[in-house]
Amino acid sequence: MLLFRYEFEKTKGKMWLFVLGCFLLNIMGADSISRGFDSTVSRSDLISRYLPNVVLECAIIALLITHILIGFEHSSRTENVVYSTVTGRRVMLYKLAAAICSAFMYSAVLLGASLAAYFTWNRANTDWILLAKIIPLVFVLILLFVLIAFAVSAVVRNAWVAAVISVGINVAWLGVMMNFPDERLLRLPPMGLLVSFKSWFTGVHGEYYELFGFTLSGTILIGLCFSTYQLFRRRSI
């Protein structure tokens, strides 16, 4: 527990400024939506315009926090000490747990504050049942991005290089999706689910597509994280 708290504390003070900046942008977005609000739209601007940006920010938070924690030993040059034994390498699991908890915490703060800002100006035309379905999946999506970053960081020691690779993977997948917009299978990975956020629970990409996407992506990423962790445990430091 003490080790988990130590890893968790490493994110303090490093992400609050980013969260604050995102929140200020979201306030401006909420105000902009209120000024151009159209009560005749079929789906709430909350789902179609506002929340996708907030969820993207949460995904970025998940990637950054994970790379900060996993790459801390390398950047502080304590890697040879911490990971010199098999027991010491189990610290990576505490880092993963701390990354998940930190990503959830910062995302919950950003999401809650941003929703509060939105509802300050916009209360009409909100599908509360749909919102109740979406919010839990948002946190599952955040978890998936943490797993992506962990799988990369467990192989790539340098945090900056690992972060560039993680972002590159997601941007590359976005590019593939743009070239094949009608291919529904491309929307099943985390980046595809994120881009298709406004279409969740609409049946546009097939019935239960998002639930299938979360299940498939989660299974693959858990297996990938397990494999990369095993490689990390066996590699020479």
C-alpha atoms as a PDB file:
ATOM      1  CA  MET A   1       0.000   0.000   0.000  1.00  0.00           C
ATOM      2  CA  LEU A   2       2.827   2.417   0.807  1.00  0.00           C
ATOM      3  CA  LEU A   3       4.459   1.666  -2.541  1.00  0.00           C
ATOM      4  CA  PHE A   4       1.173   2.269  -4.324  1.00  0.00           C
ATOM      5  CA  ARG A   5       0.776   5.614  -2.555  1.00  0.00           C
ATOM      6  CA  TYR A   6       4.332   6.548  -3.471  1.00  0.00           C
ATOM      7  CA  GLU A   7       3.649   5.871  -7.153  1.00  0.00           C
ATOM      8  CA  PHE A   8       0.309   7.663  -6.966  1.00  0.00           C
ATOM      9  CA  GLU A   9       1.904  10.756  -5.428  1.00  0.00           C
ATOM     10  CA  LYS A  10       4.247  11.154  -8.420  1.00  0.00           C
ATOM     11  CA  THR A  11       1.394  12.503 -10.533  1.00  0.00           C
ATOM     12  CA  LYS A  12       0.499  15.239  -8.051  1.00  0.00           C
ATOM     13  CA  GLY A  13       1.281  18.708  -9.253  1.00  0.00           C
ATOM     14  CA  LYS A  14       2.121  17.511 -12.764  1.00  0.00           C
ATOM     15  CA  MET A  15      -1.372  17.164 -14.185  1.00  0.00           C
ATOM     16  CA  TRP A  16      -3.486  19.741 -12.346  1.00  0.00           C
ATOM     17  CA  LEU A  17      -2.300  22.549 -14.620  1.00  0.00           C
ATOM     18  CA  PHE A  18      -3.245  20.514 -17.682  1.00  0.00           C
ATOM     19  CA  VAL A  19      -6.650  19.700 -16.178  1.00  0.00           C
ATOM     20  CA  LEU A  20      -7.218  23.372 -15.366  1.00  0.00           C
ATOM     21  CA  GLY A  21      -6.322  24.421 -18.914  1.00  0.00           C
ATOM     22  CA  CYS A  22      -8.708  21.841 -20.373  1.00  0.00           C
ATOM     23  CA  PHE A  23     -11.461  22.970 -18.007  1.00  0.00           C
ATOM     24  CA  LEU A  24     -11.087  26.607 -19.070  1.00  0.00           C
ATOM     25  CA  LEU A  25     -11.349  25.556 -22.706  1.00  0.00           C
ATOM     26  CA  ASN A  26     -14.446  23.520 -21.868  1.00  0.00           C
ATOM     27  CA  ILE A  27     -16.054  26.524 -20.154  1.00  0.00           C
ATOM     28  CA  MET A  28     -15.636  28.502 -23.366  1.00  0.00           C
ATOM     29  CA  GLY A  29     -17.047  25.570 -25.308  1.00  0.00           C
ATOM     30  CA  ALA A  30     -20.080  25.319 -23.032  1.00  0.00           C
ATOM     31  CA  ASP A  31     -20.721  29.057 -23.385  1.00  0.00           C
ATOM     32  CA  SER A  32     -20.348  28.825 -27.174  1.00  0.00           C
ATOM     33  CA  ILE A  33     -22.885  26.020 -27.342  1.00  0.00           C
ATOM     34  CA  SER A  34     -25.345  28.006 -25.213  1.00  0.00           C
ATOM     35  CA  ARG A  35     -25.114  30.964 -27.599  1.00  0.00           C
ATOM     36  CA  GLY A  36     -25.806  28.828 -30.660  1.00  0.00           C
ATOM     37  CA  PHE A  37     -28.242  26.433 -29.017  1.00  0.00           C
ATOM     38  CA  ASP A  38     -30.877  24.965 -31.313  1.00  0.00           C
ATOM     39  CA  SER A  39     -33.714  23.178 -29.526  1.00  0.00           C
ATOM     40  CA  THR A  40     -34.696  21.363 -32.741  1.00  0.00           C
ATOM     41  CA  VAL A  41     -31.562  19.201 -32.990  1.00  0.00           C
ATOM     42  CA  SER A  42     -32.255  15.475 -32.745  1.00  0.00           C
ATOM     43  CA  ARG A  43     -29.377  14.740 -30.399  1.00  0.00           C
ATOM     44  CA  SER A  44     -28.137  16.897 -27.594  1.00  0.00           C
ATOM     45  CA  ASP A  45     -25.146  19.134 -28.254  1.00  0.00           C
ATOM     46  CA  LEU A  46     -23.792  17.628 -25.052  1.00  0.00           C
ATOM     47  CA  ILE A  47     -23.291  14.291 -26.808  1.00  0.00           C
ATOM     48  CA  SER A  48     -22.594  15.457 -30.344  1.00  0.00           C
ATOM     49  CA  ARG A  49     -20.310  18.433 -29.707  1.00  0.00           C
ATOM     50  CA  TYR A  50     -19.253  18.918 -26.103  1.00  0.00           C
ATOM     51  CA  LEU A  51     -18.495  15.550 -24.531  1.00  0.00           C
ATOM     52  CA  PRO A  52     -16.323  14.226 -27.408  1.00  0.00           C
ATOM     53  CA  ASN A  53     -13.797  16.997 -26.725  1.00  0.00           C
ATOM     54  CA  VAL A  54     -13.833  16.322 -22.978  1.00  0.00           C
ATOM     55  CA  VAL A  55     -13.348  12.587 -23.510  1.00  0.00           C
ATOM     56  CA  LEU A  56     -10.423  13.277 -25.864  1.00  0.00           C
ATOM     57  CA  GLU A  57      -8.821  15.344 -23.097  1.00  0.00           C
ATOM     58  CA  CYS A  58      -9.354  12.472 -20.654  1.00  0.00           C
ATOM     59  CA  ALA A  59      -7.677  10.076 -23.096  1.00  0.00           C
ATOM     60  CA  ILE A  60      -4.674  12.416 -23.312  1.00  0.00           C
ATOM     61  CA  ILE A  61      -4.571  12.555 -19.507  1.00  0.00           C
ATOM     62  CA  ALA A  62      -4.526   8.741 -19.370  1.00  0.00           C
ATOM     63  CA  LEU A  63      -1.617   8.539 -21.809  1.00  0.00           C
ATOM     64  CA  LEU A  64       0.410  11.261 -20.096  1.00  0.00           C
ATOM     65  CA  ILE A  65      -0.043   9.931 -16.571  1.00  0.00           C
ATOM     66  CA  THR A  66       0.907   6.398 -17.559  1.00  0.00           C
ATOM     67  CA  HIS A  67       4.064   7.508 -19.335  1.00  0.00           C
ATOM     68  CA  ILE A  68       5.007   9.789 -16.428  1.00  0.00           C
ATOM     69  CA  LEU A  69       4.785   6.905 -13.960  1.00  0.00           C
ATOM     70  CA  ILE A  70       6.278   4.134 -16.085  1.00  0.00           C
ATOM     71  CA  GLY A  71       9.119   6.302 -17.356  1.00  0.00           C
ATOM     72  CA  PHE A  72       9.951   7.892 -14.010  1.00  0.00           C
ATOM     73  CA  GLU A  73      12.710   5.439 -13.079  1.00  0.00           C
ATOM     74  CA  HIS A  74      14.427   5.849 -16.434  1.00  0.00           C
ATOM     75  CA  SER A  75      14.257   9.647 -16.396  1.00  0.00           C
ATOM     76  CA  SER A  76      15.497   9.822 -12.786  1.00  0.00           C
ATOM     77  CA  ARG A  77      18.227   7.237 -13.514  1.00  0.00           C
ATOM     78  CA  THR A  78      17.131   4.893 -10.745  1.00  0.00           C
ATOM     79  CA  GLU A  79      16.184   2.091 -13.129  1.00  0.00           C
ATOM     80  CA  ASN A  80      19.228  -0.052 -12.304  1.00  0.00           C
ATOM     81  CA  VAL A  81      18.419   0.107  -8.598  1.00  0.00           C
ATOM     82  CA  VAL A  82      14.648  -0.392  -8.671  1.00  0.00           C
ATOM     83  CA  TYR A  83      14.559  -3.097 -11.348  1.00  0.00           C
ATOM     84  CA  SER A  84      17.706  -4.978 -10.381  1.00  0.00           C
ATOM     85  CA  THR A  85      15.733  -7.940  -8.988  1.00  0.00           C
ATOM     86  CA  VAL A  86      12.693  -9.933 -10.043  1.00  0.00           C
ATOM     87  CA  THR A  87      10.866  -8.691  -6.953  1.00  0.00           C
ATOM     88  CA  GLY A  88      11.775  -5.105  -7.793  1.00  0.00           C
ATOM     89  CA  ARG A  89      10.291  -5.434 -11.237  1.00  0.00           C
ATOM     90  CA  ARG A  90       6.893  -6.066  -9.694  1.00  0.00           C
ATOM     91  CA  VAL A  91       6.891  -2.332  -9.005  1.00  0.00           C
ATOM     92  CA  MET A  92       5.659  -2.034 -12.587  1.00  0.00           C
ATOM     93  CA  LEU A  93       2.334  -3.527 -11.478  1.00  0.00           C
ATOM     94  CA  TYR A  94       1.992  -0.884  -8.768  1.00  0.00           C
ATOM     95  CA  LYS A  95       2.740   1.727 -11.405  1.00  0.00           C
ATOM     96  CA  LEU A  96      -0.063   0.335 -13.570  1.00  0.00           C
ATOM     97  CA  ALA A  97      -2.511   0.415 -10.657  1.00  0.00           C
ATOM     98  CA  ALA A  98      -1.448   3.964  -9.780  1.00  0.00           C
ATOM     99  CA  ALA A  99      -1.787   5.028 -13.424  1.00  0.00           C
ATOM    100  CA  ILE A 100      -5.333   3.670 -13.603  1.00  0.00           C
ATOM    101  CA  CYS A 101      -6.369   5.324 -10.330  1.00  0.00           C
ATOM    102  CA  SER A 102      -4.710   8.626 -11.257  1.00  0.00           C
ATOM    103  CA  ALA A 103      -6.244   8.664 -14.735  1.00  0.00           C
ATOM    104  CA  PHE A 104      -9.671   7.970 -13.260  1.00  0.00           C
ATOM    105  CA  MET A 105      -9.243  10.651 -10.595  1.00  0.00           C
ATOM    106  CA  TYR A 106      -8.108  13.452 -12.913  1.00  0.00           C
ATOM    107  CA  SER A 107     -10.640  12.466 -15.566  1.00  0.00           C
ATOM    108  CA  ALA A 108     -13.461  12.401 -13.009  1.00  0.00           C
ATOM    109  CA  VAL A 109     -12.526  15.901 -11.842  1.00  0.00           C
ATOM    110  CA  LEU A 110     -12.312  17.228 -15.410  1.00  0.00           C
ATOM    111  CA  LEU A 111     -15.478  15.451 -16.531  1.00  0.00           C
ATOM    112  CA  GLY A 112     -17.476  16.488 -13.471  1.00  0.00           C
ATOM    113  CA  ALA A 113     -16.370  20.132 -13.629  1.00  0.00           C
ATOM    114  CA  SER A 114     -16.949  20.299 -17.377  1.00  0.00           C
ATOM    115  CA  LEU A 115     -20.439  18.839 -17.092  1.00  0.00           C
ATOM    116  CA  ALA A 116     -21.225  21.297 -14.302  1.00  0.00           C
ATOM    117  CA  ALA A 117     -20.090  24.145 -16.571  1.00  0.00           C
ATOM    118  CA  TYR A 118     -22.213  22.812 -19.418  1.00  0.00           C
ATOM    119  CA  PHE A 119     -25.375  22.493 -17.337  1.00  0.00           C
ATOM    120  CA  THR A 120     -24.857  26.000 -15.975  1.00  0.00           C
ATOM    121  CA  TRP A 121     -25.824  27.300 -19.409  1.00  0.00           C
ATOM    122  CA  ASN A 122     -27.574  24.341 -21.046  1.00  0.00           C
ATOM    123  CA  ARG A 123     -30.211  22.243 -19.350  1.00  0.00           C
ATOM    124  CA  ALA A 124     -32.668  21.591 -22.159  1.00  0.00           C
ATOM    125  CA  ASN A 125     -32.540  18.809 -24.735  1.00  0.00           C
ATOM    126  CA  THR A 126     -30.453  16.432 -22.615  1.00  0.00           C
ATOM    127  CA  ASP A 127     -31.016  12.692 -22.885  1.00  0.00           C
ATOM    128  CA  TRP A 128     -30.295  11.715 -19.294  1.00  0.00           C
ATOM    129  CA  ILE A 129     -30.736   7.981 -19.905  1.00  0.00           C
ATOM    130  CA  LEU A 130     -28.207   8.079 -22.740  1.00  0.00           C
ATOM    131  CA  LEU A 131     -25.819  10.094 -20.589  1.00  0.00           C
ATOM    132  CA  ALA A 132     -26.115   7.499 -17.803  1.00  0.00           C
ATOM    133  CA  LYS A 133     -25.157   4.792 -20.302  1.00  0.00           C
ATOM    134  CA  ILE A 134     -22.225   6.717 -21.732  1.00  0.00           C
ATOM    135  CA  ILE A 135     -20.442   7.866 -18.559  1.00  0.00           C
ATOM    136  CA  PRO A 136     -19.394   4.350 -17.369  1.00  0.00           C
ATOM    137  CA  LEU A 137     -18.076   3.552 -20.845  1.00  0.00           C
ATOM    138  CA  VAL A 138     -16.031   6.755 -20.804  1.00  0.00           C
ATOM    139  CA  PHE A 139     -14.048   5.394 -17.865  1.00  0.00           C
ATOM    140  CA  VAL A 140     -13.639   2.032 -19.592  1.00  0.00           C
ATOM    141  CA  LEU A 141     -12.265   3.933 -22.597  1.00  0.00           C
ATOM    142  CA  ILE A 142      -9.831   5.776 -20.308  1.00  0.00           C
ATOM    143  CA  LEU A 143      -8.696   2.398 -18.968  1.00  0.00           C
ATOM    144  CA  LEU A 144      -8.034   1.182 -22.515  1.00  0.00           C
ATOM    145  CA  PHE A 145      -5.773   4.164 -23.223  1.00  0.00           C
ATOM    146  CA  VAL A 146      -3.879   3.478 -19.986  1.00  0.00           C
ATOM    147  CA  LEU A 147      -3.325  -0.101 -21.177  1.00  0.00           C
ATOM    148  CA  ILE A 148      -2.034   1.137 -24.541  1.00  0.00           C
ATOM    149  CA  ALA A 149       0.485   3.406 -22.830  1.00  0.00           C
ATOM    150  CA  PHE A 150       1.526   0.652 -20.389  1.00  0.00           C
ATOM    151  CA  ALA A 151       2.125  -1.863 -23.187  1.00  0.00           C
ATOM    152  CA  VAL A 152       4.355   0.622 -25.022  1.00  0.00           C
ATOM    153  CA  SER A 153       6.181   1.832 -21.902  1.00  0.00           C
ATOM    154  CA  ALA A 154       6.942  -1.690 -20.736  1.00  0.00           C
ATOM    155  CA  VAL A 155       8.988  -2.170 -23.914  1.00  0.00           C
ATOM    156  CA  VAL A 156      10.342   1.349 -24.547  1.00  0.00           C
ATOM    157  CA  ARG A 157      12.362   2.689 -21.617  1.00  0.00           C
ATOM    158  CA  ASN A 158      12.441   6.372 -22.545  1.00  0.00           C
ATOM    159  CA  ALA A 159       9.180   8.037 -21.451  1.00  0.00           C
ATOM    160  CA  TRP A 160       9.298  10.695 -24.190  1.00  0.00           C
ATOM    161  CA  VAL A 161       9.898   8.153 -26.943  1.00  0.00           C
ATOM    162  CA  ALA A 162       7.188   5.894 -25.516  1.00  0.00           C
ATOM    163  CA  ALA A 163       4.734   8.806 -25.416  1.00  0.00           C
ATOM    164  CA  VAL A 164       5.498   9.691 -29.051  1.00  0.00           C
ATOM    165  CA  ILE A 165       4.960   6.050 -30.046  1.00  0.00           C
ATOM    166  CA  SER A 166       1.634   5.856 -28.172  1.00  0.00           C
ATOM    167  CA  VAL A 167       0.371   9.043 -29.790  1.00  0.00           C
ATOM    168  CA  GLY A 168       1.737   7.895 -33.149  1.00  0.00           C
ATOM    169  CA  ILE A 169      -0.151   4.614 -32.939  1.00  0.00           C
ATOM    170  CA  ASN A 170      -3.435   6.398 -32.263  1.00  0.00           C
ATOM    171  CA  VAL A 171      -2.866   9.074 -34.919  1.00  0.00           C
ATOM    172  CA  ALA A 172      -1.898   6.393 -37.454  1.00  0.00           C
ATOM    173  CA  TRP A 173      -5.080   4.472 -36.673  1.00  0.00           C
ATOM    174  CA  LEU A 174      -7.070   7.671 -37.129  1.00  0.00           C
ATOM    175  CA  GLY A 175      -5.451   8.103 -40.542  1.00  0.00           C
ATOM    176  CA  VAL A 176      -6.378   4.555 -41.525  1.00  0.00           C
ATOM    177  CA  MET A 177      -9.968   5.188 -40.438  1.00  0.00           C
ATOM    178  CA  MET A 178     -10.150   8.351 -42.531  1.00  0.00           C
ATOM    179  CA  ASN A 179      -9.019   6.404 -45.609  1.00  0.00           C
ATOM    180  CA  PHE A 180     -11.548   3.638 -44.996  1.00  0.00           C
ATOM    181  CA  PRO A 181     -14.530   5.474 -43.458  1.00  0.00           C
ATOM    182  CA  ASP A 182     -17.017   2.699 -44.200  1.00  0.00           C
ATOM    183  CA  GLU A 183     -15.010  -0.092 -42.578  1.00  0.00           C
ATOM    184  CA  ARG A 184     -16.754  -0.755 -39.274  1.00  0.00           C
ATOM    185  CA  LEU A 185     -14.044  -3.058 -37.908  1.00  0.00           C
ATOM    186  CA  LEU A 186     -11.660  -0.096 -37.786  1.00  0.00           C
ATOM    187  CA  ARG A 187     -13.927   1.558 -35.221  1.00  0.00           C
ATOM    188  CA  LEU A 188     -13.536  -1.230 -32.657  1.00  0.00           C
ATOM    189  CA  PRO A 189     -10.092  -0.261 -31.211  1.00  0.00           C
ATOM    190  CA  PRO A 190      -9.919   2.523 -28.572  1.00  0.00           C
ATOM    191  CA  MET A 191      -9.164   5.291 -31.085  1.00  0.00           C
ATOM    192  CA  GLY A 192     -12.079   4.157 -33.226  1.00  0.00           C
ATOM    193  CA  LEU A 193     -14.389   4.136 -30.215  1.00  0.00           C
ATOM    194  CA  LEU A 194     -13.214   7.622 -29.282  1.00  0.00           C
ATOM    195  CA  VAL A 195     -13.772   9.044 -32.758  1.00  0.00           C
ATOM    196  CA  SER A 196     -17.194   7.380 -32.925  1.00  0.00           C
ATOM    197  CA  PHE A 197     -18.208   8.721 -29.523  1.00  0.00           C
ATOM    198  CA  LYS A 198     -21.170  10.728 -30.805  1.00  0.00           C
ATOM    199  CA  SER A 199     -22.541   7.596 -32.476  1.00  0.00           C
ATOM    200  CA  TRP A 200     -22.615   5.415 -29.361  1.00  0.00           C
ATOM    201  CA  PHE A 201     -25.959   3.688 -28.776  1.00  0.00           C
ATOM    202  CA  THR A 202     -27.379   4.911 -32.096  1.00  0.00           C
ATOM    203  CA  GLY A 203     -26.974   1.690 -34.075  1.00  0.00           C
ATOM    204  CA  VAL A 204     -25.174   3.589 -36.856  1.00  0.00           C
ATOM    205  CA  HIS A 205     -22.246   1.159 -36.816  1.00  0.00           C
ATOM    206  CA  GLY A 206     -24.299  -1.874 -35.938  1.00  0.00           C
ATOM    207  CA  GLU A 207     -26.242  -3.019 -32.893  1.00  0.00           C
ATOM    208  CA  TYR A 208     -24.128  -3.262 -29.734  1.00  0.00           C
ATOM    209  CA  TYR A 209     -21.017  -2.327 -31.746  1.00  0.00           C
ATOM    210  CA  GLU A 210     -19.565  -0.215 -28.918  1.00  0.00           C
ATOM    211  CA  LEU A 211     -20.004  -2.966 -26.337  1.00  0.00           C
ATOM    212  CA  PHE A 212     -18.363  -5.434 -28.714  1.00  0.00           C
ATOM    213  CA  GLY A 213     -15.568  -2.932 -29.343  1.00  0.00           C
ATOM    214  CA  PHE A 214     -14.881  -2.442 -25.636  1.00  0.00           C
ATOM    215  CA  THR A 215     -14.874  -6.194 -25.003  1.00  0.00           C
ATOM    216  CA  LEU A 216     -12.609  -7.003 -27.952  1.00  0.00           C
ATOM    217  CA  SER A 217     -10.208  -4.104 -27.326  1.00  0.00           C
ATOM    218  CA  GLY A 218     -10.041  -4.825 -23.610  1.00  0.00           C
ATOM    219  CA  THR A 219      -9.273  -8.511 -24.152  1.00  0.00           C
ATOM    220  CA  ILE A 220      -6.532  -7.790 -26.703  1.00  0.00           C
ATOM    221  CA  LEU A 221      -4.938  -5.005 -24.652  1.00  0.00           C
ATOM    222  CA  ILE A 222      -4.940  -7.037 -21.438  1.00  0.00           C
ATOM    223  CA  GLY A 223      -3.196  -9.855 -23.314  1.00  0.00           C
ATOM    224  CA  LEU A 224      -0.739  -7.377 -24.844  1.00  0.00           C
ATOM    225  CA  CYS A 225       0.052  -5.820 -21.460  1.00  0.00           C
ATOM    226  CA  PHE A 226       0.637  -9.258 -19.963  1.00  0.00           C
ATOM    227  CA  SER A 227       3.011 -10.156 -22.808  1.00  0.00           C
ATOM    228  CA  THR A 228       4.992  -6.916 -22.629  1.00  0.00           C
ATOM    229  CA  TYR A 229       5.235  -7.191 -18.840  1.00  0.00           C
ATOM    230  CA  GLN A 230       6.694 -10.671 -19.193  1.00  0.00           C
ATOM    231  CA  LEU A 231       9.242  -9.285 -21.665  1.00  0.00           C
ATOM    232  CA  PHE A 232      10.056  -6.523 -19.204  1.00  0.00           C
ATOM    233  CA  ARG A 233      10.639  -9.033 -16.392  1.00  0.00           C
ATOM    234  CA  ARG A 234      13.074 -11.020 -18.521  1.00  0.00           C
ATOM    235  CA  ARG A 235      15.052  -8.258 -20.183  1.00  0.00           C
ATOM    236  CA  SER A 236      18.501  -7.176 -19.074  1.00  0.00           C
ATOM    237  CA  ILE A 237      18.608  -3.783 -17.332  1.00  0.00           C
END
